[in-house]
Each structure stands twice: as structure tokens, then as C-alpha cells.
PDB file of all heavy atoms in Angstrom:
ATOM      1  N   GLU A   1     -20.621  37.580  30.666  1.00  0.00           N
ATOM      2  CA  GLU A   1     -22.022  37.433  30.283  1.00  0.00           C
ATOM      3  C   GLU A   1     -22.355  35.973  30.010  1.00  0.00           C
ATOM      4  O   GLU A   1     -23.521  35.576  30.046  1.00  0.00           O
ATOM      5  CB  GLU A   1     -22.316  38.276  29.041  1.00  0.00           C
ATOM      6  CG  GLU A   1     -22.213  39.772  29.262  1.00  0.00           C
ATOM      7  CD  GLU A   1     -23.350  40.328  30.098  1.00  0.00           C
ATOM      8  OE1 GLU A   1     -24.385  39.648  30.203  1.00  0.00           O
ATOM      9  OE2 GLU A   1     -23.209  41.436  30.645  1.00  0.00           O
ATOM     10  N   TYR A   2     -21.328  35.157  29.724  1.00  0.00           N
ATOM     11  CA  TYR A   2     -21.550  33.761  29.372  1.00  0.00           C
ATOM     12  C   TYR A   2     -21.066  32.790  30.442  1.00  0.00           C
ATOM     13  O   TYR A   2     -20.870  31.599  30.166  1.00  0.00           O
ATOM     14  CB  TYR A   2     -20.899  33.460  28.022  1.00  0.00           C
ATOM     15  CG  TYR A   2     -21.573  34.213  26.896  1.00  0.00           C
ATOM     16  CD1 TYR A   2     -20.845  34.931  25.963  1.00  0.00           C
ATOM     17  CD2 TYR A   2     -22.960  34.225  26.794  1.00  0.00           C
ATOM     18  CE1 TYR A   2     -21.486  35.623  24.955  1.00  0.00           C
ATOM     19  CE2 TYR A   2     -23.608  34.923  25.794  1.00  0.00           C
ATOM     20  CZ  TYR A   2     -22.865  35.628  24.871  1.00  0.00           C
ATOM     21  OH  TYR A   2     -23.509  36.319  23.878  1.00  0.00           O
ATOM     22  N   CYS A   3     -20.912  33.293  31.648  1.00  0.00           N
ATOM     23  CA  CYS A   3     -20.518  32.436  32.773  1.00  0.00           C
ATOM     24  C   CYS A   3     -21.477  31.250  32.917  1.00  0.00           C
ATOM     25  O   CYS A   3     -21.052  30.096  33.031  1.00  0.00           O
ATOM     26  CB  CYS A   3     -20.481  33.266  34.048  1.00  0.00           C
ATOM     27  SG  CYS A   3     -20.167  32.299  35.545  1.00  0.00           S
ATOM     28  N   THR A   4     -22.767  31.534  32.891  1.00  0.00           N
ATOM     29  CA  THR A   4     -23.774  30.480  33.029  1.00  0.00           C
ATOM     30  C   THR A   4     -23.631  29.436  31.927  1.00  0.00           C
ATOM     31  O   THR A   4     -23.710  28.228  32.175  1.00  0.00           O
ATOM     32  CB  THR A   4     -25.193  31.079  32.983  1.00  0.00           C
ATOM     33  OG1 THR A   4     -25.342  32.013  34.053  1.00  0.00           O
ATOM     34  CG2 THR A   4     -26.250  29.995  33.108  1.00  0.00           C
ATOM     35  N   ALA A   5     -23.406  29.904  30.708  1.00  0.00           N
ATOM     36  CA  ALA A   5     -23.297  28.987  29.575  1.00  0.00           C
ATOM     37  C   ALA A   5     -22.148  28.014  29.755  1.00  0.00           C
ATOM     38  O   ALA A   5     -22.307  26.799  29.584  1.00  0.00           O
ATOM     39  CB  ALA A   5     -23.109  29.780  28.277  1.00  0.00           C
ATOM     40  N   TRP A   6     -20.967  28.533  30.099  1.00  0.00           N
ATOM     41  CA  TRP A   6     -19.790  27.652  30.194  1.00  0.00           C
ATOM     42  C   TRP A   6     -19.937  26.651  31.332  1.00  0.00           C
ATOM     43  O   TRP A   6     -19.518  25.498  31.211  1.00  0.00           O
ATOM     44  CB  TRP A   6     -18.519  28.479  30.353  1.00  0.00           C
ATOM     45  CG  TRP A   6     -18.338  29.541  29.318  1.00  0.00           C
ATOM     46  CD1 TRP A   6     -17.885  30.815  29.502  1.00  0.00           C
ATOM     47  CD2 TRP A   6     -18.614  29.438  27.906  1.00  0.00           C
ATOM     48  NE1 TRP A   6     -17.859  31.516  28.330  1.00  0.00           N
ATOM     49  CE2 TRP A   6     -18.300  30.696  27.326  1.00  0.00           C
ATOM     50  CE3 TRP A   6     -19.104  28.434  27.085  1.00  0.00           C
ATOM     51  CZ2 TRP A   6     -18.458  30.947  25.967  1.00  0.00           C
ATOM     52  CZ3 TRP A   6     -19.263  28.686  25.720  1.00  0.00           C
ATOM     53  CH2 TRP A   6     -18.946  29.918  25.182  1.00  0.00           C
ATOM     54  N   LYS A   7     -20.544  27.053  32.436  1.00  0.00           N
ATOM     55  CA  LYS A   7     -20.782  26.118  33.540  1.00  0.00           C
ATOM     56  C   LYS A   7     -21.717  24.987  33.109  1.00  0.00           C
ATOM     57  O   LYS A   7     -21.443  23.802  33.349  1.00  0.00           O
ATOM     58  CB  LYS A   7     -21.387  26.857  34.738  1.00  0.00           C
ATOM     59  CG  LYS A   7     -20.416  27.707  35.525  1.00  0.00           C
ATOM     60  CD  LYS A   7     -21.138  28.358  36.693  1.00  0.00           C
ATOM     61  CE  LYS A   7     -20.207  29.218  37.520  1.00  0.00           C
ATOM     62  NZ  LYS A   7     -20.922  29.897  38.635  1.00  0.00           N
ATOM     63  N   VAL A   8     -22.817  25.361  32.478  1.00  0.00           N
ATOM     64  CA  VAL A   8     -23.810  24.374  32.062  1.00  0.00           C
ATOM     65  C   VAL A   8     -23.215  23.395  31.051  1.00  0.00           C
ATOM     66  O   VAL A   8     -23.398  22.174  31.150  1.00  0.00           O
ATOM     67  CB  VAL A   8     -25.054  25.086  31.471  1.00  0.00           C
ATOM     68  CG1 VAL A   8     -25.955  24.090  30.750  1.00  0.00           C
ATOM     69  CG2 VAL A   8     -25.831  25.805  32.559  1.00  0.00           C
ATOM     70  N   VAL A   9     -22.490  23.924  30.069  1.00  0.00           N
ATOM     71  CA  VAL A   9     -21.923  23.065  29.019  1.00  0.00           C
ATOM     72  C   VAL A   9     -20.849  22.151  29.591  1.00  0.00           C
ATOM     73  O   VAL A   9     -20.813  20.947  29.279  1.00  0.00           O
ATOM     74  CB  VAL A   9     -21.346  23.926  27.871  1.00  0.00           C
ATOM     75  CG1 VAL A   9     -20.659  23.046  26.839  1.00  0.00           C
ATOM     76  CG2 VAL A   9     -22.444  24.747  27.217  1.00  0.00           C
ATOM     77  N   TYR A  10     -19.976  22.698  30.423  1.00  0.00           N
ATOM     78  CA  TYR A  10     -18.887  21.888  30.979  1.00  0.00           C
ATOM     79  C   TYR A  10     -19.450  20.757  31.847  1.00  0.00           C
ATOM     80  O   TYR A  10     -18.998  19.611  31.769  1.00  0.00           O
ATOM     81  CB  TYR A  10     -17.951  22.770  31.797  1.00  0.00           C
ATOM     82  CG  TYR A  10     -16.604  22.138  32.067  1.00  0.00           C
ATOM     83  CD1 TYR A  10     -15.551  22.308  31.182  1.00  0.00           C
ATOM     84  CD2 TYR A  10     -16.389  21.366  33.214  1.00  0.00           C
ATOM     85  CE1 TYR A  10     -14.315  21.729  31.423  1.00  0.00           C
ATOM     86  CE2 TYR A  10     -15.164  20.778  33.461  1.00  0.00           C
ATOM     87  CZ  TYR A  10     -14.127  20.964  32.564  1.00  0.00           C
ATOM     88  OH  TYR A  10     -12.909  20.381  32.800  1.00  0.00           O
ATOM     89  N   GLU A  11     -20.447  21.087  32.660  1.00  0.00           N
ATOM     90  CA  GLU A  11     -21.059  20.063  33.509  1.00  0.00           C
ATOM     91  C   GLU A  11     -21.786  19.011  32.663  1.00  0.00           C
ATOM     92  O   GLU A  11     -21.769  17.819  32.994  1.00  0.00           O
ATOM     93  CB  GLU A  11     -22.022  20.722  34.498  1.00  0.00           C
ATOM     94  CG  GLU A  11     -21.298  21.523  35.587  1.00  0.00           C
ATOM     95  CD  GLU A  11     -22.237  22.397  36.403  1.00  0.00           C
ATOM     96  OE1 GLU A  11     -23.467  22.336  36.147  1.00  0.00           O
ATOM     97  OE2 GLU A  11     -21.746  23.147  37.270  1.00  0.00           O
ATOM     98  N   HIS A  12     -22.408  19.439  31.580  1.00  0.00           N
ATOM     99  CA  HIS A  12     -23.064  18.495  30.667  1.00  0.00           C
ATOM    100  C   HIS A  12     -22.032  17.553  30.059  1.00  0.00           C
ATOM    101  O   HIS A  12     -22.261  16.345  29.950  1.00  0.00           O
ATOM    102  CB  HIS A  12     -23.795  19.276  29.571  1.00  0.00           C
ATOM    103  CG  HIS A  12     -24.765  18.461  28.780  1.00  0.00           C
ATOM    104  ND1 HIS A  12     -25.984  18.053  29.264  1.00  0.00           N
ATOM    105  CD2 HIS A  12     -24.693  17.957  27.517  1.00  0.00           C
ATOM    106  CE1 HIS A  12     -26.623  17.349  28.349  1.00  0.00           C
ATOM    107  NE2 HIS A  12     -25.860  17.269  27.279  1.00  0.00           N
ATOM    108  N   PHE A  13     -20.893  18.102  29.690  1.00  0.00           N
ATOM    109  CA  PHE A  13     -19.791  17.324  29.116  1.00  0.00           C
ATOM    110  C   PHE A  13     -19.275  16.294  30.117  1.00  0.00           C
ATOM    111  O   PHE A  13     -18.957  15.151  29.757  1.00  0.00           O
ATOM    112  CB  PHE A  13     -18.659  18.276  28.736  1.00  0.00           C
ATOM    113  CG  PHE A  13     -18.139  18.079  27.340  1.00  0.00           C
ATOM    114  CD1 PHE A  13     -18.702  18.780  26.288  1.00  0.00           C
ATOM    115  CD2 PHE A  13     -17.096  17.219  27.069  1.00  0.00           C
ATOM    116  CE1 PHE A  13     -18.223  18.627  24.996  1.00  0.00           C
ATOM    117  CE2 PHE A  13     -16.615  17.052  25.783  1.00  0.00           C
ATOM    118  CZ  PHE A  13     -17.178  17.760  24.743  1.00  0.00           C
ATOM    119  N   GLN A  14     -19.173  16.705  31.380  1.00  0.00           N
ATOM    120  CA  GLN A  14     -18.596  15.830  32.401  1.00  0.00           C
ATOM    121  C   GLN A  14     -19.384  14.538  32.584  1.00  0.00           C
ATOM    122  O   GLN A  14     -18.818  13.518  32.973  1.00  0.00           O
ATOM    123  CB  GLN A  14     -18.500  16.580  33.728  1.00  0.00           C
ATOM    124  CG  GLN A  14     -17.349  17.584  33.767  1.00  0.00           C
ATOM    125  CD  GLN A  14     -17.264  18.313  35.093  1.00  0.00           C
ATOM    126  OE1 GLN A  14     -18.280  18.776  35.625  1.00  0.00           O
ATOM    127  NE2 GLN A  14     -16.068  18.418  35.639  1.00  0.00           N
ATOM    128  N   ARG A  15     -20.674  14.558  32.285  1.00  0.00           N
ATOM    129  CA  ARG A  15     -21.491  13.352  32.413  1.00  0.00           C
ATOM    130  C   ARG A  15     -21.002  12.256  31.466  1.00  0.00           C
ATOM    131  O   ARG A  15     -21.214  11.069  31.718  1.00  0.00           O
ATOM    132  CB  ARG A  15     -22.954  13.670  32.099  1.00  0.00           C
ATOM    133  CG  ARG A  15     -23.589  14.687  33.037  1.00  0.00           C
ATOM    134  CD  ARG A  15     -24.982  15.049  32.561  1.00  0.00           C
ATOM    135  NE  ARG A  15     -25.462  16.268  33.199  1.00  0.00           N
ATOM    136  CZ  ARG A  15     -26.554  16.924  32.836  1.00  0.00           C
ATOM    137  NH1 ARG A  15     -27.298  16.449  31.843  1.00  0.00           N
ATOM    138  NH2 ARG A  15     -26.913  18.030  33.448  1.00  0.00           N
ATOM    139  N   TYR A  16     -20.359  12.661  30.390  1.00  0.00           N
ATOM    140  CA  TYR A  16     -19.900  11.704  29.380  1.00  0.00           C
ATOM    141  C   TYR A  16     -18.374  11.614  29.341  1.00  0.00           C
ATOM    142  O   TYR A  16     -17.823  10.974  28.444  1.00  0.00           O
ATOM    143  CB  TYR A  16     -20.406  12.130  27.993  1.00  0.00           C
ATOM    144  CG  TYR A  16     -21.901  12.203  27.879  1.00  0.00           C
ATOM    145  CD1 TYR A  16     -22.595  13.356  28.236  1.00  0.00           C
ATOM    146  CD2 TYR A  16     -22.638  11.115  27.409  1.00  0.00           C
ATOM    147  CE1 TYR A  16     -23.980  13.430  28.130  1.00  0.00           C
ATOM    148  CE2 TYR A  16     -24.019  11.185  27.295  1.00  0.00           C
ATOM    149  CZ  TYR A  16     -24.684  12.342  27.658  1.00  0.00           C
ATOM    150  OH  TYR A  16     -26.050  12.407  27.551  1.00  0.00           O
ATOM    151  N   GLU A  17     -17.720  12.255  30.308  1.00  0.00           N
ATOM    152  CA  GLU A  17     -16.263  12.374  30.242  1.00  0.00           C
ATOM    153  C   GLU A  17     -15.568  11.023  30.152  1.00  0.00           C
ATOM    154  O   GLU A  17     -14.680  10.816  29.308  1.00  0.00           O
ATOM    155  CB  GLU A  17     -15.750  13.140  31.469  1.00  0.00           C
ATOM    156  CG  GLU A  17     -14.242  13.339  31.462  1.00  0.00           C
ATOM    157  CD  GLU A  17     -13.769  14.145  32.660  1.00  0.00           C
ATOM    158  OE1 GLU A  17     -14.611  14.537  33.501  1.00  0.00           O
ATOM    159  OE2 GLU A  17     -12.553  14.380  32.756  1.00  0.00           O
ATOM    160  N   GLY A  18     -15.950  10.093  31.012  1.00  0.00           N
ATOM    161  CA  GLY A  18     -15.297   8.793  31.015  1.00  0.00           C
ATOM    162  C   GLY A  18     -15.441   8.072  29.690  1.00  0.00           C
ATOM    163  O   GLY A  18     -14.470   7.554  29.134  1.00  0.00           O
ATOM    164  N   GLU A  19     -16.660   8.048  29.166  1.00  0.00           N
ATOM    165  CA  GLU A  19     -16.904   7.354  27.906  1.00  0.00           C
ATOM    166  C   GLU A  19     -16.195   8.035  26.743  1.00  0.00           C
ATOM    167  O   GLU A  19     -15.627   7.375  25.869  1.00  0.00           O
ATOM    168  CB  GLU A  19     -18.405   7.298  27.630  1.00  0.00           C
ATOM    169  CG  GLU A  19     -18.759   6.438  26.421  1.00  0.00           C
ATOM    170  CD  GLU A  19     -20.263   6.284  26.258  1.00  0.00           C
ATOM    171  OE1 GLU A  19     -21.004   6.540  27.220  1.00  0.00           O
ATOM    172  OE2 GLU A  19     -20.677   5.912  25.140  1.00  0.00           O
ATOM    173  N   LEU A  20     -16.180   9.378  26.742  1.00  0.00           N
ATOM    174  CA  LEU A  20     -15.489  10.117  25.690  1.00  0.00           C
ATOM    175  C   LEU A  20     -14.003   9.800  25.693  1.00  0.00           C
ATOM    176  O   LEU A  20     -13.397   9.557  24.644  1.00  0.00           O
ATOM    177  CB  LEU A  20     -15.705  11.622  25.880  1.00  0.00           C
ATOM    178  CG  LEU A  20     -17.064  12.183  25.462  1.00  0.00           C
ATOM    179  CD1 LEU A  20     -17.276  13.559  26.059  1.00  0.00           C
ATOM    180  CD2 LEU A  20     -17.172  12.251  23.945  1.00  0.00           C
ATOM    181  N   GLN A  21     -13.402   9.804  26.881  1.00  0.00           N
ATOM    182  CA  GLN A  21     -11.974   9.521  26.979  1.00  0.00           C
ATOM    183  C   GLN A  21     -11.661   8.104  26.518  1.00  0.00           C
ATOM    184  O   GLN A  21     -10.662   7.861  25.834  1.00  0.00           O
ATOM    185  CB  GLN A  21     -11.488   9.751  28.410  1.00  0.00           C
ATOM    186  CG  GLN A  21     -11.477  11.215  28.818  1.00  0.00           C
ATOM    187  CD  GLN A  21     -10.703  11.446  30.105  1.00  0.00           C
ATOM    188  OE1 GLN A  21      -9.842  10.661  30.470  1.00  0.00           O
ATOM    189  NE2 GLN A  21     -11.005  12.535  30.799  1.00  0.00           N
ATOM    190  N   GLN A  22     -12.514   7.158  26.897  1.00  0.00           N
ATOM    191  CA  GLN A  22     -12.293   5.773  26.475  1.00  0.00           C
ATOM    192  C   GLN A  22     -12.340   5.640  24.959  1.00  0.00           C
ATOM    193  O   GLN A  22     -11.492   4.961  24.352  1.00  0.00           O
ATOM    194  CB  GLN A  22     -13.360   4.863  27.109  1.00  0.00           C
ATOM    195  CG  GLN A  22     -13.130   4.563  28.582  1.00  0.00           C
ATOM    196  CD  GLN A  22     -14.196   3.643  29.139  1.00  0.00           C
ATOM    197  OE1 GLN A  22     -15.022   3.109  28.395  1.00  0.00           O
ATOM    198  NE2 GLN A  22     -14.185   3.452  30.449  1.00  0.00           N
ATOM    199  N   ARG A  23     -13.298   6.299  24.340  1.00  0.00           N
ATOM    200  CA  ARG A  23     -13.417   6.206  22.889  1.00  0.00           C
ATOM    201  C   ARG A  23     -12.223   6.847  22.193  1.00  0.00           C
ATOM    202  O   ARG A  23     -11.710   6.323  21.196  1.00  0.00           O
ATOM    203  CB  ARG A  23     -14.732   6.855  22.429  1.00  0.00           C
ATOM    204  CG  ARG A  23     -15.963   6.024  22.780  1.00  0.00           C
ATOM    205  CD  ARG A  23     -17.244   6.717  22.403  1.00  0.00           C
ATOM    206  NE  ARG A  23     -17.391   6.878  20.966  1.00  0.00           N
ATOM    207  CZ  ARG A  23     -18.452   7.465  20.394  1.00  0.00           C
ATOM    208  NH1 ARG A  23     -19.446   7.931  21.154  1.00  0.00           N
ATOM    209  NH2 ARG A  23     -18.520   7.590  19.084  1.00  0.00           N
ATOM    210  N   ILE A  24     -11.772   7.953  22.730  1.00  0.00           N
ATOM    211  CA  ILE A  24     -10.600   8.618  22.153  1.00  0.00           C
ATOM    212  C   ILE A  24      -9.366   7.732  22.287  1.00  0.00           C
ATOM    213  O   ILE A  24      -8.597   7.559  21.331  1.00  0.00           O
ATOM    214  CB  ILE A  24     -10.352   9.982  22.836  1.00  0.00           C
ATOM    215  CG1 ILE A  24     -11.446  10.971  22.432  1.00  0.00           C
ATOM    216  CG2 ILE A  24      -8.980  10.539  22.463  1.00  0.00           C
ATOM    217  CD1 ILE A  24     -11.427  12.263  23.208  1.00  0.00           C
ATOM    218  N   ARG A  25      -9.186   7.130  23.448  1.00  0.00           N
ATOM    219  CA  ARG A  25      -8.007   6.283  23.659  1.00  0.00           C
ATOM    220  C   ARG A  25      -8.055   5.031  22.777  1.00  0.00           C
ATOM    221  O   ARG A  25      -7.026   4.588  22.265  1.00  0.00           O
ATOM    222  CB  ARG A  25      -7.893   5.917  25.134  1.00  0.00           C
ATOM    223  CG  ARG A  25      -7.531   7.115  26.015  1.00  0.00           C
ATOM    224  CD  ARG A  25      -7.116   6.692  27.412  1.00  0.00           C
ATOM    225  NE  ARG A  25      -6.741   7.855  28.199  1.00  0.00           N
ATOM    226  CZ  ARG A  25      -7.496   8.419  29.134  1.00  0.00           C
ATOM    227  NH1 ARG A  25      -8.669   7.902  29.414  1.00  0.00           N
ATOM    228  NH2 ARG A  25      -7.083   9.478  29.801  1.00  0.00           N
ATOM    229  N   ARG A  26      -9.256   4.467  22.601  1.00  0.00           N
ATOM    230  CA  ARG A  26      -9.387   3.316  21.703  1.00  0.00           C
ATOM    231  C   ARG A  26      -8.984   3.695  20.280  1.00  0.00           C
ATOM    232  O   ARG A  26      -8.286   2.956  19.587  1.00  0.00           O
ATOM    233  CB  ARG A  26     -10.827   2.798  21.710  1.00  0.00           C
ATOM    234  CG  ARG A  26     -11.238   2.054  22.973  1.00  0.00           C
ATOM    235  CD  ARG A  26     -12.561   1.333  22.732  1.00  0.00           C
ATOM    236  NE  ARG A  26     -13.270   1.089  23.978  1.00  0.00           N
ATOM    237  CZ  ARG A  26     -14.360   1.736  24.363  1.00  0.00           C
ATOM    238  NH1 ARG A  26     -14.875   2.681  23.592  1.00  0.00           N
ATOM    239  NH2 ARG A  26     -14.947   1.440  25.511  1.00  0.00           N
TER     240      ARG A  26
END
């Protein structure tokens, strides 16, 4: 029932993936 939700959220997250990873590594 939440297939749409997880796709939308994961794709939204991916837009910031590089910056998030950089901040975590710093």
C-alpha cells in the first residue's frame, strides 16, 4: 500500500545524496 510513498521519498533523498554523504564523512 506504501509502494508509492517509498519511491517518492527515496527519490527525494537521492537529490541530496552526494551532499549528505559528504557531510557525514566530514
